[in-house]
């Protein structure tokens, strides 16, 4: 069977309009990310339009009153909202950019061995990853996605240079493909090694989320991961469970569920394994100080540190900000991003207003 995907400006963006179901086209990663944000596609972001991607496109078209063709045409992409706009290579990308092309950029960075979030938002971790790729490619590490960076991303895989130490032998390894629900800690535990050792072996930042489909080297001498490569069992909810938590706690606090979904997606792509460079954790990217404040002041009881607890604490805090700013979603989101005191003292900063606008635009499509 052959799967066809037609998009406006396809030739200009380098997107094929027909091909085998297993053909990999980076533009398709943007489609998968947009569908995942809608809760319709929970498979790997692999840029392969297979049966699950096709079924998700049809489900989206059916629920939005569009012709159910399975083809991501211009009307379908428009209905997808911000994540359906801007094919990869059609504009310059920088910090704060949001859209289909950013999701493709993130996918390509991961293909080149640079681990970044995959949520269509060029945030701090993605900016850091982009600069790292540019340095490895001997490009100006300006964090701006332009023609030269795009050409390098479309080219051959970049070899990550490592520092060699004396009197150290290279361990024999096998390849493990990251599955849904995996985390670096759980994989390391199952393989009989430490997260730090596994991160060093694969030249990755242990603070960054590992993405489904990533190939990791596992020491052979350690306890082997089962041959059938089952998903490692960890206390982390998948995207479907996170969406359920968002609905439940949004109803509990009287928050528009579309706003809750949009904010969680912008923060982590519904991924509870994400940890930022400043220590913000989980689905809602909460700082430990924020978590403590919510537990001790707002709800006055401890909350379990899992995905559901992260959503609970995050939406309790958002409810507080909405109350402080009299239900004004723009100011509440600005305070979420910039800090309540800062917004009161100087108003939203330019970078804050960009973030707020992106969240509210995404909310309209949730």
Protein backbone atom coordinates (compact mmCIF):
# COMPACT_ATOMS: atom_id res chain seq x y z
CA UNK A 1 0.00 0.00 0.00
CA UNK A 2 1.17 3.51 -0.76
CA UNK A 3 0.34 6.51 1.38
CA UNK A 4 0.10 9.93 -0.23
CA UNK A 5 0.44 13.23 1.59
CA UNK A 6 -0.19 16.47 -0.27
CA UNK A 7 0.74 19.85 1.21
CA UNK A 8 0.65 23.34 -0.19
CA UNK A 9 4.07 24.68 -1.23
CA UNK A 10 5.34 21.11 -1.14
CA UNK A 11 7.87 21.51 -3.91
CA UNK A 12 9.30 24.69 -2.43
CA UNK A 13 9.71 22.99 0.93
CA UNK A 14 11.23 19.83 -0.52
CA UNK A 15 8.28 17.66 0.56
CA UNK A 16 7.40 14.72 -1.66
CA UNK A 17 3.72 14.34 -2.50
CA UNK A 18 3.78 10.61 -2.97
CA UNK A 19 5.85 7.74 -1.76
CA UNK A 20 5.91 4.38 -0.03
CA UNK A 21 4.34 4.16 3.40
CA UNK A 22 7.76 3.51 4.92
CA UNK A 23 9.53 6.40 3.16
CA UNK A 24 11.06 8.87 5.61
CA UNK A 25 10.46 12.55 4.89
CA UNK A 26 11.41 15.03 7.64
CA UNK A 27 8.40 17.23 6.83
CA UNK A 28 6.15 14.39 8.02
CA UNK A 29 7.59 14.76 11.52
CA UNK A 30 5.90 18.15 11.69
CA UNK A 31 2.58 16.53 10.87
CA UNK A 32 3.04 13.88 13.55
CA UNK A 33 3.87 16.48 16.20
CA UNK A 34 0.79 18.54 15.31
CA UNK A 35 -1.40 15.44 15.56
CA UNK A 36 0.19 14.43 18.87
CA UNK A 37 -0.68 17.83 20.31
CA UNK A 38 -4.30 17.01 19.46
CA UNK A 39 -4.03 13.68 21.27
CA UNK A 40 -4.68 11.78 18.04
CA UNK A 41 -1.22 10.35 17.30
CA UNK A 42 0.70 8.59 20.05
CA UNK A 43 3.23 6.73 17.92
CA UNK A 44 6.91 7.64 17.50
CA UNK A 45 7.92 10.90 15.85
CA UNK A 46 9.75 9.14 13.03
CA UNK A 47 8.69 11.08 9.89
CA UNK A 48 7.20 7.91 8.43
CA UNK A 49 3.58 8.19 7.31
CA UNK A 50 2.31 4.77 8.26
CA UNK A 51 -1.14 3.48 9.25
CA UNK A 52 -1.22 5.26 12.64
CA UNK A 53 -0.33 8.64 11.15
CA UNK A 54 -2.88 8.18 8.38
CA UNK A 55 -5.58 7.17 10.87
CA UNK A 56 -4.79 10.24 13.00
CA UNK A 57 -5.13 12.57 9.99
CA UNK A 58 -8.50 11.03 9.16
CA UNK A 59 -9.69 11.27 12.77
CA UNK A 60 -8.71 14.95 12.89
CA UNK A 61 -10.53 15.66 9.63
CA UNK A 62 -13.62 13.84 10.83
CA UNK A 63 -13.84 15.79 14.10
CA UNK A 64 -13.24 19.15 12.37
CA UNK A 65 -15.82 18.73 9.61
CA UNK A 66 -13.27 18.33 6.82
CA UNK A 67 -13.38 15.85 3.92
CA UNK A 68 -11.98 12.61 5.35
CA UNK A 69 -9.26 11.93 2.80
CA UNK A 70 -6.25 11.15 4.98
CA UNK A 71 -4.40 13.85 3.05
CA UNK A 72 -2.90 16.72 5.05
CA UNK A 73 -3.92 19.40 2.57
CA UNK A 74 -3.99 23.17 3.08
CA UNK A 75 -7.39 23.15 4.81
CA UNK A 76 -6.29 20.44 7.23
CA UNK A 77 -3.08 22.25 8.09
CA UNK A 78 -4.99 25.48 8.66
CA UNK A 79 -7.28 23.72 11.13
CA UNK A 80 -4.19 22.38 12.95
CA UNK A 81 -3.45 25.98 13.91
CA UNK A 82 0.08 27.20 14.76
CA UNK A 83 1.54 23.69 14.57
CA UNK A 84 0.18 23.31 11.04
CA UNK A 85 1.92 26.39 9.67
CA UNK A 86 5.31 27.05 8.07
CA UNK A 87 6.83 24.13 6.23
CA UNK A 88 10.46 23.50 7.07
CA UNK A 89 12.84 25.72 5.12
CA UNK A 90 10.36 28.48 4.30
CA UNK A 91 11.45 30.96 6.99
CA UNK A 92 14.32 31.74 9.33
CA UNK A 93 14.01 30.26 12.81
CA UNK A 94 15.14 31.75 16.12
CA UNK A 95 14.31 31.57 19.80
CA UNK A 96 10.56 31.77 20.31
CA UNK A 97 9.67 30.47 16.83
CA UNK A 98 6.69 28.13 16.93
CA UNK A 99 5.25 25.86 14.29
CA UNK A 100 5.55 22.86 12.01
CA UNK A 101 9.06 23.80 10.87
CA UNK A 102 10.38 23.97 14.44
CA UNK A 103 9.10 20.42 15.03
CA UNK A 104 10.97 19.30 11.90
CA UNK A 105 14.09 21.12 13.11
CA UNK A 106 13.87 19.30 16.45
CA UNK A 107 13.39 15.97 14.70
CA UNK A 108 16.44 16.54 12.50
CA UNK A 109 18.58 17.60 15.45
CA UNK A 110 17.73 14.33 17.17
CA UNK A 111 18.58 12.41 13.99
CA UNK A 112 22.00 14.05 14.20
CA UNK A 113 22.47 12.92 17.78
CA UNK A 114 21.48 16.16 19.52
CA UNK A 115 18.73 15.52 22.06
CA UNK A 116 16.10 18.26 22.30
CA UNK A 117 12.38 18.40 23.16
CA UNK A 118 9.93 17.82 20.31
CA UNK A 119 7.01 20.21 20.74
CA UNK A 120 7.29 22.64 17.83
CA UNK A 121 8.58 25.43 20.10
CA UNK A 122 12.11 26.79 19.84
CA UNK A 123 12.73 27.09 23.56
CA UNK A 124 15.93 27.26 25.59
CA UNK A 125 16.86 23.55 25.33
CA UNK A 126 16.22 23.55 21.58
CA UNK A 127 18.29 26.72 21.17
CA UNK A 128 21.14 25.06 23.10
CA UNK A 129 20.89 21.97 20.89
CA UNK A 130 20.82 24.03 17.71
CA UNK A 131 23.98 25.91 18.72
CA UNK A 132 25.69 22.63 19.56
CA UNK A 133 24.83 21.23 16.13
CA UNK A 134 26.09 24.41 14.46
CA UNK A 135 29.41 24.17 16.29
CA UNK A 136 29.81 20.52 15.30
CA UNK A 137 29.01 21.46 11.71
CA UNK A 138 31.55 24.32 11.77
CA UNK A 139 28.84 26.90 11.31
CA UNK A 140 28.36 30.16 13.19
CA UNK A 141 26.79 29.05 16.48
CA UNK A 142 24.24 31.88 16.50
CA UNK A 143 21.19 29.77 17.31
CA UNK A 144 19.47 30.95 14.12
CA UNK A 145 18.06 28.42 11.68
CA UNK A 146 18.83 29.61 8.17
CA UNK A 147 19.76 28.15 4.76
CA UNK A 148 23.24 26.91 5.76
CA UNK A 149 22.00 25.25 8.93
CA UNK A 150 19.06 23.70 7.08
CA UNK A 151 21.42 22.33 4.41
CA UNK A 152 23.64 20.80 7.09
CA UNK A 153 20.63 19.24 8.82
CA UNK A 154 19.50 17.66 5.58
CA UNK A 155 23.01 16.29 4.99
CA UNK A 156 24.88 13.37 6.48
CA UNK A 157 24.97 12.64 10.19
CA UNK A 158 27.33 14.78 12.24
CA UNK A 159 29.93 12.87 14.21
CA UNK A 160 30.01 14.11 17.79
CA UNK A 161 33.60 14.64 18.86
CA UNK A 162 34.49 13.09 22.20
CA UNK A 163 37.35 13.60 24.63
CA UNK A 164 39.54 10.52 24.88
CA UNK A 165 41.16 9.61 28.17
CA UNK A 166 44.24 7.49 28.61
CA UNK A 167 44.16 3.86 29.72
CA UNK A 168 40.45 3.45 29.05
CA UNK A 169 39.11 0.62 26.96
CA UNK A 170 35.99 0.99 24.85
CA UNK A 171 33.28 -1.32 26.22
CA UNK A 172 31.49 -3.72 23.91
CA UNK A 173 27.98 -2.47 23.34
CA UNK A 174 24.68 -3.33 21.75
CA UNK A 175 22.01 -0.98 20.39
CA UNK A 176 18.77 -0.33 22.24
CA UNK A 177 15.95 1.68 20.61
CA UNK A 178 14.10 3.96 23.04
CA UNK A 179 10.47 2.95 23.46
CA UNK A 180 7.41 4.82 24.76
CA UNK A 181 7.65 5.17 28.55
CA UNK A 182 11.44 4.85 28.69
CA UNK A 183 13.71 7.13 30.71
CA UNK A 184 17.49 7.22 30.90
CA UNK A 185 17.39 6.19 34.57
CA UNK A 186 15.14 3.19 33.94
CA UNK A 187 17.14 2.02 30.91
CA UNK A 188 20.39 2.32 32.87
CA UNK A 189 18.89 0.38 35.79
CA UNK A 190 17.68 -2.40 33.49
CA UNK A 191 21.11 -2.55 31.85
CA UNK A 192 22.95 -2.72 35.17
CA UNK A 193 24.73 0.61 34.81
CA UNK A 194 24.28 4.20 35.99
CA UNK A 195 22.47 7.03 34.15
CA UNK A 196 25.70 9.06 34.13
CA UNK A 197 27.72 6.23 32.61
CA UNK A 198 25.03 5.60 29.99
CA UNK A 199 24.89 9.31 29.16
CA UNK A 200 28.68 9.49 28.75
CA UNK A 201 28.71 6.39 26.58
CA UNK A 202 26.13 7.94 24.24
CA UNK A 203 27.46 11.52 24.47
CA UNK A 204 24.10 12.91 25.59
CA UNK A 205 23.02 15.35 28.28
CA UNK A 206 21.31 13.36 31.06
CA UNK A 207 19.19 16.44 31.88
CA UNK A 208 17.51 16.30 28.48
CA UNK A 209 14.60 14.05 27.59
CA UNK A 210 15.39 11.01 25.45
CA UNK A 211 13.09 10.76 22.47
CA UNK A 212 11.28 7.66 21.28
CA UNK A 213 13.28 6.02 18.47
CA UNK A 214 16.68 7.21 19.72
CA UNK A 215 19.39 4.54 19.37
CA UNK A 216 21.37 4.08 22.58
CA UNK A 217 24.52 2.03 23.07
CA UNK A 218 24.14 -0.38 26.01
CA UNK A 219 27.19 -2.10 27.59
CA UNK A 220 27.14 -5.80 26.70
CA UNK A 221 28.90 -6.79 29.92
CA UNK A 222 26.02 -5.36 31.94
CA UNK A 223 22.68 -7.05 32.43
CA UNK A 224 21.14 -7.20 28.99
CA UNK A 225 17.96 -5.45 28.01
CA UNK A 226 15.46 -8.18 27.01
CA UNK A 227 15.96 -9.37 23.44
CA UNK A 228 12.42 -8.41 22.46
CA UNK A 229 13.26 -4.85 23.56
CA UNK A 230 10.25 -4.32 25.72
CA UNK A 231 9.50 -0.85 26.98
CA UNK A 232 11.20 -0.28 30.30
CA UNK A 233 8.60 0.09 33.07
CA UNK A 234 8.87 3.48 34.74
CA UNK A 235 6.56 5.71 36.78
CA UNK A 236 5.84 8.05 33.89
CA UNK A 237 2.54 8.60 32.09
CA UNK A 238 2.23 8.64 28.36
CA UNK A 239 0.65 11.42 26.38
CA UNK A 240 -2.85 9.94 26.67
CA UNK A 241 -2.60 9.71 30.47
CA UNK A 242 -1.24 13.26 30.68
CA UNK A 243 -4.17 14.58 28.66
CA UNK A 244 -6.54 12.77 31.02
CA UNK A 245 -4.82 14.36 34.04
CA UNK A 246 -5.05 17.79 32.41
CA UNK A 247 -8.79 17.36 31.85
CA UNK A 248 -9.41 16.16 35.41
CA UNK A 249 -7.43 18.86 37.22
CA UNK A 250 -8.63 21.62 34.88
CA UNK A 251 -12.20 20.68 35.80
CA UNK A 252 -11.24 20.59 39.49
CA UNK A 253 -9.84 24.13 39.39
CA UNK A 254 -12.33 25.57 36.91
CA UNK A 255 -9.69 26.21 34.26
CA UNK A 256 -10.45 26.06 30.53
CA UNK A 257 -9.11 22.61 29.56
CA UNK A 258 -7.94 23.98 26.23
CA UNK A 259 -5.76 26.48 28.06
CA UNK A 260 -4.36 23.71 30.27
CA UNK A 261 -3.58 21.52 27.25
CA UNK A 262 -1.95 24.35 25.32
CA UNK A 263 0.27 25.41 28.24
CA UNK A 264 1.37 21.85 29.02
CA UNK A 265 2.21 21.24 25.37
CA UNK A 266 4.27 24.42 25.11
CA UNK A 267 6.15 23.55 28.29
CA UNK A 268 7.03 19.92 27.62
CA UNK A 269 5.10 18.35 24.75
CA UNK A 270 3.23 16.33 27.45
CA UNK A 271 6.53 14.71 28.49
CA UNK A 272 7.11 14.27 32.22
CA UNK A 273 10.80 13.37 31.72
CA UNK A 274 11.79 16.87 30.62
CA UNK A 275 14.16 18.68 33.00
CA UNK A 276 15.42 22.15 32.05
CA UNK A 277 18.89 23.54 32.66
CA UNK A 278 17.53 25.54 35.61
CA UNK A 279 15.82 22.53 37.18
CA UNK A 280 12.23 22.98 35.97
CA UNK A 281 10.67 19.54 35.87
CA UNK A 282 7.96 17.52 34.22
CA UNK A 283 4.86 18.13 32.17
CA UNK A 284 4.31 21.68 33.45
CA UNK A 285 8.06 22.48 33.88
CA UNK A 286 7.80 23.40 37.55
CA UNK A 287 10.69 24.72 39.60
CA UNK A 288 11.15 23.03 43.00
CA UNK A 289 10.41 26.39 44.67
CA UNK A 290 7.07 26.60 42.82
CA UNK A 291 6.18 23.05 43.84
CA UNK A 292 6.97 23.84 47.48
CA UNK A 293 4.90 27.03 47.34
CA UNK A 294 1.87 25.21 45.96
CA UNK A 295 2.14 22.40 48.52
CA UNK A 296 2.68 24.62 51.56
CA UNK A 297 0.59 27.70 50.72
CA UNK A 298 -2.01 26.93 48.04
CA UNK A 299 -3.19 23.37 48.65
CA UNK A 300 -1.49 22.66 52.01
CA UNK A 301 -0.68 19.00 51.51
CA UNK A 302 2.09 17.05 49.77
CA UNK A 303 1.62 15.84 46.20
CA UNK A 304 3.22 12.77 44.67
CA UNK A 305 6.05 13.56 42.27
CA UNK A 306 4.71 11.83 39.17
CA UNK A 307 3.08 13.07 35.96
CA UNK A 308 -0.38 13.42 37.52
CA UNK A 309 1.07 15.24 40.52
CA UNK A 310 3.00 17.56 38.23
CA UNK A 311 -0.21 18.46 36.41
CA UNK A 312 -2.06 18.88 39.73
CA UNK A 313 0.54 21.29 41.11
CA UNK A 314 0.88 23.15 37.81
CA UNK A 315 -2.83 23.78 37.42
CA UNK A 316 -3.21 24.73 41.08
CA UNK A 317 -0.58 27.39 40.48
CA UNK A 318 -2.22 28.52 37.22
CA UNK A 319 -5.55 28.79 39.08
CA UNK A 320 -3.82 31.02 41.63
CA UNK A 321 -2.41 33.28 38.90
CA UNK A 322 -5.78 33.55 37.17
CA UNK A 323 -7.33 34.60 40.48
CA UNK A 324 -4.56 37.15 41.14
CA UNK A 325 -5.06 38.75 37.71
CA UNK A 326 -8.87 38.61 37.80
CA UNK A 327 -9.21 35.87 35.20
CA UNK A 328 -7.03 37.65 32.62
CA UNK A 329 -5.42 34.73 30.77
CA UNK A 330 -2.79 36.91 29.13
CA UNK A 331 -1.50 38.31 32.41
CA UNK A 332 -1.76 34.95 34.17
CA UNK A 333 0.32 33.28 31.43
CA UNK A 334 2.78 36.16 31.51
CA UNK A 335 3.20 35.67 35.26
CA UNK A 336 3.61 31.93 34.70
CA UNK A 337 6.46 32.56 32.25
CA UNK A 338 8.07 35.68 33.74
CA UNK A 339 7.08 35.59 37.39
CA UNK A 340 4.17 37.18 39.22
CA UNK A 341 6.22 39.89 40.93
CA UNK A 342 8.02 40.85 37.72
CA UNK A 343 4.79 41.22 35.77
CA UNK A 344 3.33 43.39 38.52
CA UNK A 345 6.44 45.61 38.60
CA UNK A 346 7.23 46.04 34.91
CA UNK A 347 4.55 44.33 32.87
CA UNK A 348 5.15 41.50 30.38
CA UNK A 349 8.49 41.56 28.57
CA UNK A 350 8.71 41.14 24.80
CA UNK A 351 9.82 37.51 25.01
CA UNK A 352 6.94 36.90 27.44
CA UNK A 353 4.31 38.35 25.11
CA UNK A 354 5.55 36.06 22.33
CA UNK A 355 5.16 33.01 24.58
CA UNK A 356 1.70 34.11 25.72
CA UNK A 357 0.55 34.70 22.14
CA UNK A 358 1.75 31.25 21.10
CA UNK A 359 -0.05 29.53 24.00
CA UNK A 360 -3.31 31.35 23.29
CA UNK A 361 -3.06 30.65 19.56
CA UNK A 362 -2.54 26.96 20.29
CA UNK A 363 -5.45 27.00 22.76
CA UNK A 364 -7.82 27.87 19.92
CA UNK A 365 -6.90 24.60 18.18
CA UNK A 366 -6.95 22.27 21.16
